[in-house]
Amino acid sequence: MKEGKSLANSIVAACQDKKARNIVIVDMTELPGTICQYFVICEGNTPTQVGAISDEIVDSLKKKKKERPISIDGLREGRWVGIDYGTVIVHVFLPELREFYNIEHLWADAKLESIPDID
């Protein structure tokens, strides 16, 4: 479990490097039958920023942790990008899509950790 948390923290740092907003870590380690240990959810203001955040996550984890994603989806549209690292799944949203899908609250029993925005 510590490896998953370390990976989630590295993802948060990459998100902060590109000024992602409203970062939340959803800790699902105590929930049975979940698809991963953690979600990291954040948002960018424009499709360009969503793409830049996503690219920074992938590049940073490749360099610093030698981690490559299992899959990436949504880069072309830049509205909601999903990056799957197995133990951690990242969601980078435009604000209106994040509000609409509200995925951090689908896991009502999970622990949510809000990360302060860096300005």
PDB file of N, CA and C in Angstrom:
ATOM      1  N   MET A   1       0.813  -1.211   0.000  1.00  0.00           N
ATOM      2  CA  MET A   1       0.000   0.000   0.000  1.00  0.00           C
ATOM      3  C   MET A   1       0.850   1.265   0.000  1.00  0.00           C
ATOM      4  N   LYS A   2       2.036   1.210   0.628  1.00  0.00           N
ATOM      5  CA  LYS A   2       2.887   2.392   0.665  1.00  0.00           C
ATOM      6  C   LYS A   2       3.338   2.794  -0.727  1.00  0.00           C
ATOM      7  N   GLU A   3       3.541   1.800  -1.603  1.00  0.00           N
ATOM      8  CA  GLU A   3       3.949   2.109  -2.974  1.00  0.00           C
ATOM      9  C   GLU A   3       2.865   2.912  -3.692  1.00  0.00           C
ATOM     10  N   GLY A   4       1.604   2.533  -3.483  1.00  0.00           N
ATOM     11  CA  GLY A   4       0.494   3.256  -4.101  1.00  0.00           C
ATOM     12  C   GLY A   4       0.408   4.685  -3.608  1.00  0.00           C
ATOM     13  N   LYS A   5       0.596   4.894  -2.312  1.00  0.00           N
ATOM     14  CA  LYS A   5       0.537   6.245  -1.743  1.00  0.00           C
ATOM     15  C   LYS A   5       1.694   7.081  -2.249  1.00  0.00           C
ATOM     16  N   SER A   6       2.874   6.483  -2.336  1.00  0.00           N
ATOM     17  CA  SER A   6       4.038   7.195  -2.866  1.00  0.00           C
ATOM     18  C   SER A   6       3.803   7.619  -4.318  1.00  0.00           C
ATOM     19  N   LEU A   7       3.229   6.719  -5.097  1.00  0.00           N
ATOM     20  CA  LEU A   7       2.902   7.032  -6.485  1.00  0.00           C
ATOM     21  C   LEU A   7       1.869   8.160  -6.556  1.00  0.00           C
ATOM     22  N   ALA A   8       0.841   8.087  -5.719  1.00  0.00           N
ATOM     23  CA  ALA A   8      -0.181   9.143  -5.685  1.00  0.00           C
ATOM     24  C   ALA A   8       0.439  10.487  -5.327  1.00  0.00           C
ATOM     25  N   ASN A   9       1.355  10.495  -4.368  1.00  0.00           N
ATOM     26  CA  ASN A   9       2.011  11.755  -3.982  1.00  0.00           C
ATOM     27  C   ASN A   9       2.868  12.314  -5.118  1.00  0.00           C
ATOM     28  N   SER A  10       3.528  11.449  -5.865  1.00  0.00           N
ATOM     29  CA  SER A  10       4.316  11.902  -7.017  1.00  0.00           C
ATOM     30  C   SER A  10       3.413  12.481  -8.098  1.00  0.00           C
ATOM     31  N   ILE A  11       2.251  11.890  -8.270  1.00  0.00           N
ATOM     32  CA  ILE A  11       1.280  12.399  -9.245  1.00  0.00           C
ATOM     33  C   ILE A  11       0.779  13.771  -8.810  1.00  0.00           C
ATOM     34  N   VAL A  12       0.498  13.929  -7.529  1.00  0.00           N
ATOM     35  CA  VAL A  12       0.058  15.231  -7.008  1.00  0.00           C
ATOM     36  C   VAL A  12       1.119  16.289  -7.273  1.00  0.00           C
ATOM     37  N   ALA A  13       2.381  15.971  -7.035  1.00  0.00           N
ATOM     38  CA  ALA A  13       3.459  16.926  -7.277  1.00  0.00           C
ATOM     39  C   ALA A  13       3.516  17.343  -8.747  1.00  0.00           C
ATOM     40  N   ALA A  14       3.338  16.384  -9.647  1.00  0.00           N
ATOM     41  CA  ALA A  14       3.328  16.695 -11.084  1.00  0.00           C
ATOM     42  C   ALA A  14       2.134  17.583 -11.431  1.00  0.00           C
ATOM     43  N   CYS A  15       0.991  17.302 -10.838  1.00  0.00           N
ATOM     44  CA  CYS A  15      -0.203  18.135 -11.055  1.00  0.00           C
ATOM     45  C   CYS A  15       0.061  19.571 -10.602  1.00  0.00           C
ATOM     46  N   GLN A  16       0.676  19.711  -9.440  1.00  0.00           N
ATOM     47  CA  GLN A  16       0.960  21.038  -8.905  1.00  0.00           C
ATOM     48  C   GLN A  16       1.951  21.796  -9.782  1.00  0.00           C
ATOM     49  N   ASP A  17       2.884  21.073 -10.406  1.00  0.00           N
ATOM     50  CA  ASP A  17       3.856  21.725 -11.293  1.00  0.00           C
ATOM     51  C   ASP A  17       3.175  22.434 -12.458  1.00  0.00           C
ATOM     52  N   LYS A  18       2.019  21.948 -12.866  1.00  0.00           N
ATOM     53  CA  LYS A  18       1.282  22.553 -13.983  1.00  0.00           C
ATOM     54  C   LYS A  18       0.035  23.313 -13.506  1.00  0.00           C
ATOM     55  N   LYS A  19       0.036  23.667 -12.221  1.00  0.00           N
ATOM     56  CA  LYS A  19      -1.027  24.515 -11.637  1.00  0.00           C
ATOM     57  C   LYS A  19      -2.420  23.888 -11.705  1.00  0.00           C
ATOM     58  N   ALA A  20      -2.486  22.568 -11.558  1.00  0.00           N
ATOM     59  CA  ALA A  20      -3.798  21.914 -11.480  1.00  0.00           C
ATOM     60  C   ALA A  20      -4.538  22.440 -10.253  1.00  0.00           C
ATOM     61  N   ARG A  21      -5.847  22.445 -10.319  1.00  0.00           N
ATOM     62  CA  ARG A  21      -6.672  22.984  -9.239  1.00  0.00           C
ATOM     63  C   ARG A  21      -7.505  21.865  -8.621  1.00  0.00           C
ATOM     64  N   ASN A  22      -7.929  22.108  -7.382  1.00  0.00           N
ATOM     65  CA  ASN A  22      -8.859  21.206  -6.679  1.00  0.00           C
ATOM     66  C   ASN A  22      -8.409  19.751  -6.723  1.00  0.00           C
ATOM     67  N   ILE A  23      -7.178  19.507  -6.328  1.00  0.00           N
ATOM     68  CA  ILE A  23      -6.626  18.155  -6.330  1.00  0.00           C
ATOM     69  C   ILE A  23      -7.175  17.382  -5.127  1.00  0.00           C
ATOM     70  N   VAL A  24      -7.633  16.168  -5.391  1.00  0.00           N
ATOM     71  CA  VAL A  24      -8.152  15.299  -4.344  1.00  0.00           C
ATOM     72  C   VAL A  24      -7.543  13.905  -4.531  1.00  0.00           C
ATOM     73  N   ILE A  25      -7.096  13.317  -3.413  1.00  0.00           N
ATOM     74  CA  ILE A  25      -6.685  11.916  -3.413  1.00  0.00           C
ATOM     75  C   ILE A  25      -7.819  11.127  -2.772  1.00  0.00           C
ATOM     76  N   VAL A  26      -8.325  10.144  -3.489  1.00  0.00           N
ATOM     77  CA  VAL A  26      -9.377   9.267  -2.975  1.00  0.00           C
ATOM     78  C   VAL A  26      -8.699   7.964  -2.554  1.00  0.00           C
ATOM     79  N   ASP A  27      -8.673   7.711  -1.249  1.00  0.00           N
ATOM     80  CA  ASP A  27      -8.013   6.539  -0.687  1.00  0.00           C
ATOM     81  C   ASP A  27      -9.029   5.403  -0.583  1.00  0.00           C
ATOM     82  N   MET A  28      -8.850   4.382  -1.403  1.00  0.00           N
ATOM     83  CA  MET A  28      -9.780   3.257  -1.432  1.00  0.00           C
ATOM     84  C   MET A  28      -9.155   1.975  -0.887  1.00  0.00           C
ATOM     85  N   THR A  29      -8.044   2.128  -0.151  1.00  0.00           N
ATOM     86  CA  THR A  29      -7.322   0.953   0.337  1.00  0.00           C
ATOM     87  C   THR A  29      -8.118   0.127   1.340  1.00  0.00           C
ATOM     88  N   GLU A  30      -9.053   0.730   2.021  1.00  0.00           N
ATOM     89  CA  GLU A  30      -9.841   0.013   3.025  1.00  0.00           C
ATOM     90  C   GLU A  30     -11.144  -0.565   2.455  1.00  0.00           C
ATOM     91  N   LEU A  31     -11.412  -0.289   1.193  1.00  0.00           N
ATOM     92  CA  LEU A  31     -12.661  -0.740   0.584  1.00  0.00           C
ATOM     93  C   LEU A  31     -12.438  -2.046  -0.175  1.00  0.00           C
ATOM     94  N   PRO A  32     -13.267  -3.048   0.058  1.00  0.00           N
ATOM     95  CA  PRO A  32     -13.098  -4.315  -0.658  1.00  0.00           C
ATOM     96  C   PRO A  32     -13.555  -4.214  -2.117  1.00  0.00           C
ATOM     97  N   GLY A  33     -12.834  -4.895  -2.992  1.00  0.00           N
ATOM     98  CA  GLY A  33     -13.260  -5.032  -4.378  1.00  0.00           C
ATOM     99  C   GLY A  33     -13.113  -3.804  -5.253  1.00  0.00           C
ATOM    100  N   THR A  34     -12.252  -2.855  -4.878  1.00  0.00           N
ATOM    101  CA  THR A  34     -12.079  -1.668  -5.709  1.00  0.00           C
ATOM    102  C   THR A  34     -11.098  -1.947  -6.841  1.00  0.00           C
ATOM    103  N   ILE A  35     -11.134  -1.119  -7.857  1.00  0.00           N
ATOM    104  CA  ILE A  35     -10.309  -1.340  -9.043  1.00  0.00           C
ATOM    105  C   ILE A  35      -8.877  -0.857  -8.877  1.00  0.00           C
ATOM    106  N   CYS A  36      -8.621  -0.047  -7.851  1.00  0.00           N
ATOM    107  CA  CYS A  36      -7.280   0.461  -7.591  1.00  0.00           C
ATOM    108  C   CYS A  36      -7.194   0.871  -6.122  1.00  0.00           C
ATOM    109  N   GLN A  37      -6.017   1.297  -5.699  1.00  0.00           N
ATOM    110  CA  GLN A  37      -5.852   1.752  -4.320  1.00  0.00           C
ATOM    111  C   GLN A  37      -6.215   3.226  -4.152  1.00  0.00           C
ATOM    112  N   TYR A  38      -5.880   4.020  -5.167  1.00  0.00           N
ATOM    113  CA  TYR A  38      -6.101   5.466  -5.086  1.00  0.00           C
ATOM    114  C   TYR A  38      -6.590   6.018  -6.415  1.00  0.00           C
ATOM    115  N   PHE A  39      -7.433   7.043  -6.324  1.00  0.00           N
ATOM    116  CA  PHE A  39      -7.710   7.940  -7.441  1.00  0.00           C
ATOM    117  C   PHE A  39      -7.008   9.249  -7.106  1.00  0.00           C
ATOM    118  N   VAL A  40      -6.444   9.891  -8.096  1.00  0.00           N
ATOM    119  CA  VAL A  40      -6.026  11.280  -7.967  1.00  0.00           C
ATOM    120  C   VAL A  40      -6.870  12.035  -8.978  1.00  0.00           C
ATOM    121  N   ILE A  41      -7.593  13.039  -8.490  1.00  0.00           N
ATOM    122  CA  ILE A  41      -8.517  13.795  -9.329  1.00  0.00           C
ATOM    123  C   ILE A  41      -8.126  15.264  -9.255  1.00  0.00           C
ATOM    124  N   CYS A  42      -8.078  15.909 -10.420  1.00  0.00           N
ATOM    125  CA  CYS A  42      -7.771  17.335 -10.453  1.00  0.00           C
ATOM    126  C   CYS A  42      -8.429  17.948 -11.679  1.00  0.00           C
ATOM    127  N   GLU A  43      -8.248  19.247 -11.809  1.00  0.00           N
ATOM    128  CA  GLU A  43      -8.829  19.918 -12.978  1.00  0.00           C
ATOM    129  C   GLU A  43      -7.892  20.986 -13.521  1.00  0.00           C
ATOM    130  N   GLY A  44      -8.047  21.198 -14.832  1.00  0.00           N
ATOM    131  CA  GLY A  44      -7.380  22.279 -15.531  1.00  0.00           C
ATOM    132  C   GLY A  44      -8.445  23.172 -16.135  1.00  0.00           C
ATOM    133  N   ASN A  45      -8.114  24.422 -16.352  1.00  0.00           N
ATOM    134  CA  ASN A  45      -9.119  25.399 -16.809  1.00  0.00           C
ATOM    135  C   ASN A  45      -9.478  25.287 -18.285  1.00  0.00           C
ATOM    136  N   THR A  46      -8.579  24.753 -19.096  1.00  0.00           N
ATOM    137  CA  THR A  46      -8.799  24.657 -20.536  1.00  0.00           C
ATOM    138  C   THR A  46      -8.346  23.275 -21.021  1.00  0.00           C
ATOM    139  N   PRO A  47      -8.798  22.863 -22.209  1.00  0.00           N
ATOM    140  CA  PRO A  47      -8.284  21.596 -22.752  1.00  0.00           C
ATOM    141  C   PRO A  47      -6.759  21.581 -22.877  1.00  0.00           C
ATOM    142  N   THR A  48      -6.160  22.721 -23.192  1.00  0.00           N
ATOM    143  CA  THR A  48      -4.703  22.798 -23.293  1.00  0.00           C
ATOM    144  C   THR A  48      -4.046  22.528 -21.947  1.00  0.00           C
ATOM    145  N   GLN A  49      -4.603  23.102 -20.871  1.00  0.00           N
ATOM    146  CA  GLN A  49      -4.036  22.870 -19.549  1.00  0.00           C
ATOM    147  C   GLN A  49      -4.266  21.421 -19.100  1.00  0.00           C
ATOM    148  N   VAL A  50      -5.432  20.866 -19.394  1.00  0.00           N
ATOM    149  CA  VAL A  50      -5.696  19.462 -19.067  1.00  0.00           C
ATOM    150  C   VAL A  50      -4.640  18.575 -19.743  1.00  0.00           C
ATOM    151  N   GLY A  51      -4.334  18.856 -21.004  1.00  0.00           N
ATOM    152  CA  GLY A  51      -3.299  18.098 -21.721  1.00  0.00           C
ATOM    153  C   GLY A  51      -1.920  18.299 -21.119  1.00  0.00           C
ATOM    154  N   ALA A  52      -1.607  19.527 -20.733  1.00  0.00           N
ATOM    155  CA  ALA A  52      -0.296  19.824 -20.147  1.00  0.00           C
ATOM    156  C   ALA A  52      -0.132  19.121 -18.795  1.00  0.00           C
ATOM    157  N   ILE A  53      -1.175  19.123 -17.980  1.00  0.00           N
ATOM    158  CA  ILE A  53      -1.128  18.419 -16.688  1.00  0.00           C
ATOM    159  C   ILE A  53      -0.907  16.930 -16.928  1.00  0.00           C
ATOM    160  N   SER A  54      -1.665  16.365 -17.844  1.00  0.00           N
ATOM    161  CA  SER A  54      -1.553  14.935 -18.151  1.00  0.00           C
ATOM    162  C   SER A  54      -0.163  14.580 -18.653  1.00  0.00           C
ATOM    163  N   ASP A  55       0.363  15.394 -19.559  1.00  0.00           N
ATOM    164  CA  ASP A  55       1.714  15.154 -20.088  1.00  0.00           C
ATOM    165  C   ASP A  55       2.761  15.236 -18.975  1.00  0.00           C
ATOM    166  N   GLU A  56       2.602  16.209 -18.075  1.00  0.00           N
ATOM    167  CA  GLU A  56       3.558  16.365 -16.963  1.00  0.00           C
ATOM    168  C   GLU A  56       3.537  15.150 -16.042  1.00  0.00           C
ATOM    169  N   ILE A  57       2.348  14.629 -15.775  1.00  0.00           N
ATOM    170  CA  ILE A  57       2.245  13.432 -14.928  1.00  0.00           C
ATOM    171  C   ILE A  57       3.018  12.278 -15.563  1.00  0.00           C
ATOM    172  N   VAL A  58       2.750  12.010 -16.826  1.00  0.00           N
ATOM    173  CA  VAL A  58       3.391  10.891 -17.522  1.00  0.00           C
ATOM    174  C   VAL A  58       4.907  11.090 -17.589  1.00  0.00           C
ATOM    175  N   ASP A  59       5.348  12.298 -17.988  1.00  0.00           N
ATOM    176  CA  ASP A  59       6.786  12.560 -18.122  1.00  0.00           C
ATOM    177  C   ASP A  59       7.507  12.506 -16.774  1.00  0.00           C
ATOM    178  N   SER A  60       6.906  13.104 -15.759  1.00  0.00           N
ATOM    179  CA  SER A  60       7.518  13.150 -14.437  1.00  0.00           C
ATOM    180  C   SER A  60       7.657  11.752 -13.837  1.00  0.00           C
ATOM    181  N   LEU A  61       6.614  10.959 -13.930  1.00  0.00           N
ATOM    182  CA  LEU A  61       6.680   9.612 -13.361  1.00  0.00           C
ATOM    183  C   LEU A  61       7.651   8.716 -14.123  1.00  0.00           C
ATOM    184  N   LYS A  62       7.757   8.935 -15.432  1.00  0.00           N
ATOM    185  CA  LYS A  62       8.720   8.180 -16.234  1.00  0.00           C
ATOM    186  C   LYS A  62      10.150   8.491 -15.765  1.00  0.00           C
ATOM    187  N   LYS A  63      10.429   9.781 -15.553  1.00  0.00           N
ATOM    188  CA  LYS A  63      11.782  10.201 -15.174  1.00  0.00           C
ATOM    189  C   LYS A  63      12.107   9.874 -13.722  1.00  0.00           C
ATOM    190  N   LYS A  64      11.207  10.223 -12.811  1.00  0.00           N
ATOM    191  CA  LYS A  64      11.517  10.148 -11.383  1.00  0.00           C
ATOM    192  C   LYS A  64      11.262   8.779 -10.762  1.00  0.00           C
ATOM    193  N   LYS A  65      10.267   8.056 -11.262  1.00  0.00           N
ATOM    194  CA  LYS A  65       9.896   6.785 -10.627  1.00  0.00           C
ATOM    195  C   LYS A  65      10.005   5.593 -11.566  1.00  0.00           C
ATOM    196  N   LYS A  66      10.411   5.850 -12.814  1.00  0.00           N
ATOM    197  CA  LYS A  66      10.511   4.773 -13.812  1.00  0.00           C
ATOM    198  C   LYS A  66       9.179   4.059 -13.997  1.00  0.00           C
ATOM    199  N   GLU A  67       8.084   4.798 -13.857  1.00  0.00           N
ATOM    200  CA  GLU A  67       6.728   4.253 -14.002  1.00  0.00           C
ATOM    201  C   GLU A  67       6.141   4.691 -15.334  1.00  0.00           C
ATOM    202  N   ARG A  68       5.521   3.753 -16.008  1.00  0.00           N
ATOM    203  CA  ARG A  68       4.811   4.047 -17.259  1.00  0.00           C
ATOM    204  C   ARG A  68       3.357   3.676 -17.065  1.00  0.00           C
ATOM    205  N   PRO A  69       2.453   4.475 -17.629  1.00  0.00           N
ATOM    206  CA  PRO A  69       1.027   4.152 -17.468  1.00  0.00           C
ATOM    207  C   PRO A  69       0.648   2.901 -18.250  1.00  0.00           C
ATOM    208  N   ILE A  70      -0.337   2.195 -17.725  1.00  0.00           N
ATOM    209  CA  ILE A  70      -0.900   1.047 -18.428  1.00  0.00           C
ATOM    210  C   ILE A  70      -1.688   1.534 -19.631  1.00  0.00           C
ATOM    211  N   SER A  71      -2.447   2.609 -19.421  1.00  0.00           N
ATOM    212  CA  SER A  71      -3.196   3.209 -20.529  1.00  0.00           C
ATOM    213  C   SER A  71      -3.499   4.672 -20.223  1.00  0.00           C
ATOM    214  N   ILE A  72      -3.751   5.408 -21.299  1.00  0.00           N
ATOM    215  CA  ILE A  72      -4.142   6.820 -21.219  1.00  0.00           C
ATOM    216  C   ILE A  72      -5.302   6.992 -22.184  1.00  0.00           C
ATOM    217  N   ASP A  73      -6.332   7.698 -21.743  1.00  0.00           N
ATOM    218  CA  ASP A  73      -7.481   7.935 -22.611  1.00  0.00           C
ATOM    219  C   ASP A  73      -7.936   9.383 -22.473  1.00  0.00           C
ATOM    220  N   GLY A  74      -8.349   9.978 -23.579  1.00  0.00           N
ATOM    221  CA  GLY A  74      -8.942  11.310 -23.568  1.00  0.00           C
ATOM    222  C   GLY A  74      -8.012  12.451 -23.929  1.00  0.00           C
ATOM    223  N   LEU A  75      -6.760  12.154 -24.273  1.00  0.00           N
ATOM    224  CA  LEU A  75      -5.816  13.239 -24.578  1.00  0.00           C
ATOM    225  C   LEU A  75      -6.230  14.067 -25.785  1.00  0.00           C
ATOM    226  N   ARG A  76      -6.807  13.436 -26.769  1.00  0.00           N
ATOM    227  CA  ARG A  76      -7.168  14.154 -27.995  1.00  0.00           C
ATOM    228  C   ARG A  76      -8.155  15.279 -27.716  1.00  0.00           C
ATOM    229  N   GLU A  77      -9.196  14.999 -26.915  1.00  0.00           N
ATOM    230  CA  GLU A  77     -10.219  16.010 -26.629  1.00  0.00           C
ATOM    231  C   GLU A  77      -9.779  16.962 -25.524  1.00  0.00           C
ATOM    232  N   GLY A  78      -9.015  16.473 -24.556  1.00  0.00           N
ATOM    233  CA  GLY A  78      -8.533  17.316 -23.467  1.00  0.00           C
ATOM    234  C   GLY A  78      -9.625  17.800 -22.532  1.00  0.00           C
ATOM    235  N   ARG A  79     -10.700  17.032 -22.430  1.00  0.00           N
ATOM    236  CA  ARG A  79     -11.798  17.420 -21.536  1.00  0.00           C
ATOM    237  C   ARG A  79     -11.781  16.578 -20.258  1.00  0.00           C
ATOM    238  N   TRP A  80     -11.468  15.308 -20.394  1.00  0.00           N
ATOM    239  CA  TRP A  80     -11.340  14.382 -19.266  1.00  0.00           C
ATOM    240  C   TRP A  80     -10.299  13.360 -19.690  1.00  0.00           C
ATOM    241  N   VAL A  81      -9.146  13.410 -19.049  1.00  0.00           N
ATOM    242  CA  VAL A  81      -8.076  12.467 -19.360  1.00  0.00           C
ATOM    243  C   VAL A  81      -7.966  11.485 -18.203  1.00  0.00           C
ATOM    244  N   GLY A  82      -7.966  10.208 -18.529  1.00  0.00           N
ATOM    245  CA  GLY A  82      -7.755   9.152 -17.549  1.00  0.00           C
ATOM    246  C   GLY A  82      -6.406   8.509 -17.782  1.00  0.00           C
ATOM    247  N   ILE A  83      -5.623   8.376 -16.709  1.00  0.00           N
ATOM    248  CA  ILE A  83      -4.306   7.761 -16.788  1.00  0.00           C
ATOM    249  C   ILE A  83      -4.277   6.628 -15.758  1.00  0.00           C
ATOM    250  N   ASP A  84      -4.054   5.404 -16.228  1.00  0.00           N
ATOM    251  CA  ASP A  84      -4.105   4.225 -15.369  1.00  0.00           C
ATOM    252  C   ASP A  84      -2.701   3.725 -15.063  1.00  0.00           C
ATOM    253  N   TYR A  85      -2.343   3.769 -13.775  1.00  0.00           N
ATOM    254  CA  TYR A  85      -1.066   3.225 -13.320  1.00  0.00           C
ATOM    255  C   TYR A  85      -1.254   1.929 -12.537  1.00  0.00           C
ATOM    256  N   GLY A  86      -2.415   1.336 -12.617  1.00  0.00           N
ATOM    257  CA  GLY A  86      -2.674   0.087 -11.903  1.00  0.00           C
ATOM    258  C   GLY A  86      -3.146   0.354 -10.485  1.00  0.00           C
ATOM    259  N   THR A  87      -2.214   0.697  -9.602  1.00  0.00           N
ATOM    260  CA  THR A  87      -2.592   0.981  -8.212  1.00  0.00           C
ATOM    261  C   THR A  87      -3.200   2.369  -8.048  1.00  0.00           C
ATOM    262  N   VAL A  88      -2.912   3.258  -9.004  1.00  0.00           N
ATOM    263  CA  VAL A  88      -3.443   4.625  -8.971  1.00  0.00           C
ATOM    264  C   VAL A  88      -4.034   4.957 -10.336  1.00  0.00           C
ATOM    265  N   ILE A  89      -5.234   5.501 -10.325  1.00  0.00           N
ATOM    266  CA  ILE A  89      -5.857   5.986 -11.554  1.00  0.00           C
ATOM    267  C   ILE A  89      -6.030   7.492 -11.411  1.00  0.00           C
ATOM    268  N   VAL A  90      -5.586   8.226 -12.422  1.00  0.00           N
ATOM    269  CA  VAL A  90      -5.629   9.683 -12.407  1.00  0.00           C
ATOM    270  C   VAL A  90      -6.754  10.159 -13.325  1.00  0.00           C
ATOM    271  N   HIS A  91      -7.493  11.160 -12.863  1.00  0.00           N
ATOM    272  CA  HIS A  91      -8.525  11.803 -13.663  1.00  0.00           C
ATOM    273  C   HIS A  91      -8.221  13.290 -13.707  1.00  0.00           C
ATOM    274  N   VAL A  92      -8.015  13.817 -14.912  1.00  0.00           N
ATOM    275  CA  VAL A  92      -7.778  15.250 -15.093  1.00  0.00           C
ATOM    276  C   VAL A  92      -8.964  15.788 -15.892  1.00  0.00           C
ATOM    277  N   PHE A  93      -9.722  16.672 -15.279  1.00  0.00           N
ATOM    278  CA  PHE A  93     -10.985  17.160 -15.845  1.00  0.00           C
ATOM    279  C   PHE A  93     -10.957  18.634 -16.184  1.00  0.00           C
ATOM    280  N   LEU A  94     -11.844  19.026 -17.091  1.00  0.00           N
ATOM    281  CA  LEU A  94     -12.304  20.412 -17.147  1.00  0.00           C
ATOM    282  C   LEU A  94     -13.299  20.578 -15.995  1.00  0.00           C
ATOM    283  N   PRO A  95     -13.399  21.760 -15.387  1.00  0.00           N
ATOM    284  CA  PRO A  95     -14.260  21.927 -14.204  1.00  0.00           C
ATOM    285  C   PRO A  95     -15.715  21.490 -14.405  1.00  0.00           C
ATOM    286  N   GLU A  96     -16.305  21.818 -15.552  1.00  0.00           N
ATOM    287  CA  GLU A  96     -17.718  21.489 -15.742  1.00  0.00           C
ATOM    288  C   GLU A  96     -17.956  19.980 -15.853  1.00  0.00           C
ATOM    289  N   LEU A  97     -17.010  19.250 -16.425  1.00  0.00           N
ATOM    290  CA  LEU A  97     -17.152  17.791 -16.506  1.00  0.00           C
ATOM    291  C   LEU A  97     -16.928  17.143 -15.142  1.00  0.00           C
ATOM    292  N   ARG A  98     -15.997  17.689 -14.403  1.00  0.00           N
ATOM    293  CA  ARG A  98     -15.774  17.141 -13.056  1.00  0.00           C
ATOM    294  C   ARG A  98     -17.018  17.318 -12.189  1.00  0.00           C
ATOM    295  N   GLU A  99     -17.605  18.480 -12.275  1.00  0.00           N
ATOM    296  CA  GLU A  99     -18.827  18.733 -11.505  1.00  0.00           C
ATOM    297  C   GLU A  99     -19.950  17.799 -11.948  1.00  0.00           C
ATOM    298  N   PHE A 100     -20.086  17.597 -13.241  1.00  0.00           N
ATOM    299  CA  PHE A 100     -21.154  16.745 -13.771  1.00  0.00           C
ATOM    300  C   PHE A 100     -20.993  15.290 -13.315  1.00  0.00           C
ATOM    301  N   TYR A 101     -19.799  14.733 -13.447  1.00  0.00           N
ATOM    302  CA  TYR A 101     -19.590  13.317 -13.113  1.00  0.00           C
ATOM    303  C   TYR A 101     -19.378  13.078 -11.620  1.00  0.00           C
ATOM    304  N   ASN A 102     -18.783  14.044 -10.931  1.00  0.00           N
ATOM    305  CA  ASN A 102     -18.661  14.000  -9.477  1.00  0.00           C
ATOM    306  C   ASN A 102     -18.122  12.650  -8.979  1.00  0.00           C
ATOM    307  N   ILE A 103     -17.078  12.137  -9.630  1.00  0.00           N
ATOM    308  CA  ILE A 103     -16.652  10.763  -9.347  1.00  0.00           C
ATOM    309  C   ILE A 103     -16.050  10.563  -7.962  1.00  0.00           C
ATOM    310  N   GLU A 104     -15.478  11.604  -7.356  1.00  0.00           N
ATOM    311  CA  GLU A 104     -14.912  11.383  -6.028  1.00  0.00           C
ATOM    312  C   GLU A 104     -15.974  11.034  -4.993  1.00  0.00           C
ATOM    313  N   HIS A 105     -17.222  11.372  -5.290  1.00  0.00           N
ATOM    314  CA  HIS A 105     -18.287  11.060  -4.339  1.00  0.00           C
ATOM    315  C   HIS A 105     -19.037   9.761  -4.676  1.00  0.00           C
ATOM    316  N   LEU A 106     -18.645   9.101  -5.767  1.00  0.00           N
ATOM    317  CA  LEU A 106     -19.217   7.791  -6.066  1.00  0.00           C
ATOM    318  C   LEU A 106     -18.744   6.747  -5.054  1.00  0.00           C
ATOM    319  N   TRP A 107     -17.580   6.989  -4.485  1.00  0.00           N
ATOM    320  CA  TRP A 107     -16.997   6.087  -3.497  1.00  0.00           C
ATOM    321  C   TRP A 107     -17.227   6.704  -2.124  1.00  0.00           C
ATOM    322  N   ALA A 108     -18.452   6.665  -1.650  1.00  0.00           N
ATOM    323  CA  ALA A 108     -18.863   7.379  -0.436  1.00  0.00           C
ATOM    324  C   ALA A 108     -18.083   6.947   0.806  1.00  0.00           C
ATOM    325  N   ASP A 109     -17.628   5.711   0.851  1.00  0.00           N
ATOM    326  CA  ASP A 109     -16.917   5.216   2.030  1.00  0.00           C
ATOM    327  C   ASP A 109     -15.413   5.476   1.990  1.00  0.00           C
ATOM    328  N   ALA A 110     -14.917   5.983   0.877  1.00  0.00           N
ATOM    329  CA  ALA A 110     -13.481   6.224   0.742  1.00  0.00           C
ATOM    330  C   ALA A 110     -13.084   7.502   1.490  1.00  0.00           C
ATOM    331  N   LYS A 111     -11.816   7.544   1.875  1.00  0.00           N
ATOM    332  CA  LYS A 111     -11.271   8.747   2.521  1.00  0.00           C
ATOM    333  C   LYS A 111     -10.840   9.721   1.433  1.00  0.00           C
ATOM    334  N   LEU A 112     -11.273  10.972   1.559  1.00  0.00           N
ATOM    335  CA  LEU A 112     -10.876  12.026   0.616  1.00  0.00           C
ATOM    336  C   LEU A 112      -9.860  12.937   1.259  1.00  0.00           C
ATOM    337  N   GLU A 113      -8.776  13.192   0.531  1.00  0.00           N
ATOM    338  CA  GLU A 113      -7.746  14.114   1.001  1.00  0.00           C
ATOM    339  C   GLU A 113      -7.651  15.256  -0.004  1.00  0.00           C
ATOM    340  N   SER A 114      -8.064  16.446   0.409  1.00  0.00           N
ATOM    341  CA  SER A 114      -7.972  17.624  -0.465  1.00  0.00           C
ATOM    342  C   SER A 114      -6.582  18.233  -0.338  1.00  0.00           C
ATOM    343  N   ILE A 115      -5.985  18.517  -1.481  1.00  0.00           N
ATOM    344  CA  ILE A 115      -4.657  19.113  -1.526  1.00  0.00           C
ATOM    345  C   ILE A 115      -4.828  20.602  -1.826  1.00  0.00           C
ATOM    346  N   PRO A 116      -4.236  21.486  -1.021  1.00  0.00           N
ATOM    347  CA  PRO A 116      -4.386  22.916  -1.269  1.00  0.00           C
ATOM    348  C   PRO A 116      -3.806  23.326  -2.633  1.00  0.00           C
ATOM    349  N   ASP A 117      -4.476  24.271  -3.279  1.00  0.00           N
ATOM    350  CA  ASP A 117      -3.999  24.798  -4.559  1.00  0.00           C
ATOM    351  C   ASP A 117      -2.724  25.602  -4.325  1.00  0.00           C
ATOM    352  N   ILE A 118      -1.827  25.537  -5.299  1.00  0.00           N
ATOM    353  CA  ILE A 118      -0.611  26.359  -5.273  1.00  0.00           C
ATOM    354  C   ILE A 118      -0.829  27.476  -6.280  1.00  0.00           C
ATOM    355  N   ASP A 119      -0.706  28.696  -5.826  1.00  0.00           N
ATOM    356  CA  ASP A 119      -0.904  29.836  -6.752  1.00  0.00           C
ATOM    357  C   ASP A 119       0.383  30.474  -7.153  1.00  0.00           C
TER     358      ASP A 119
END
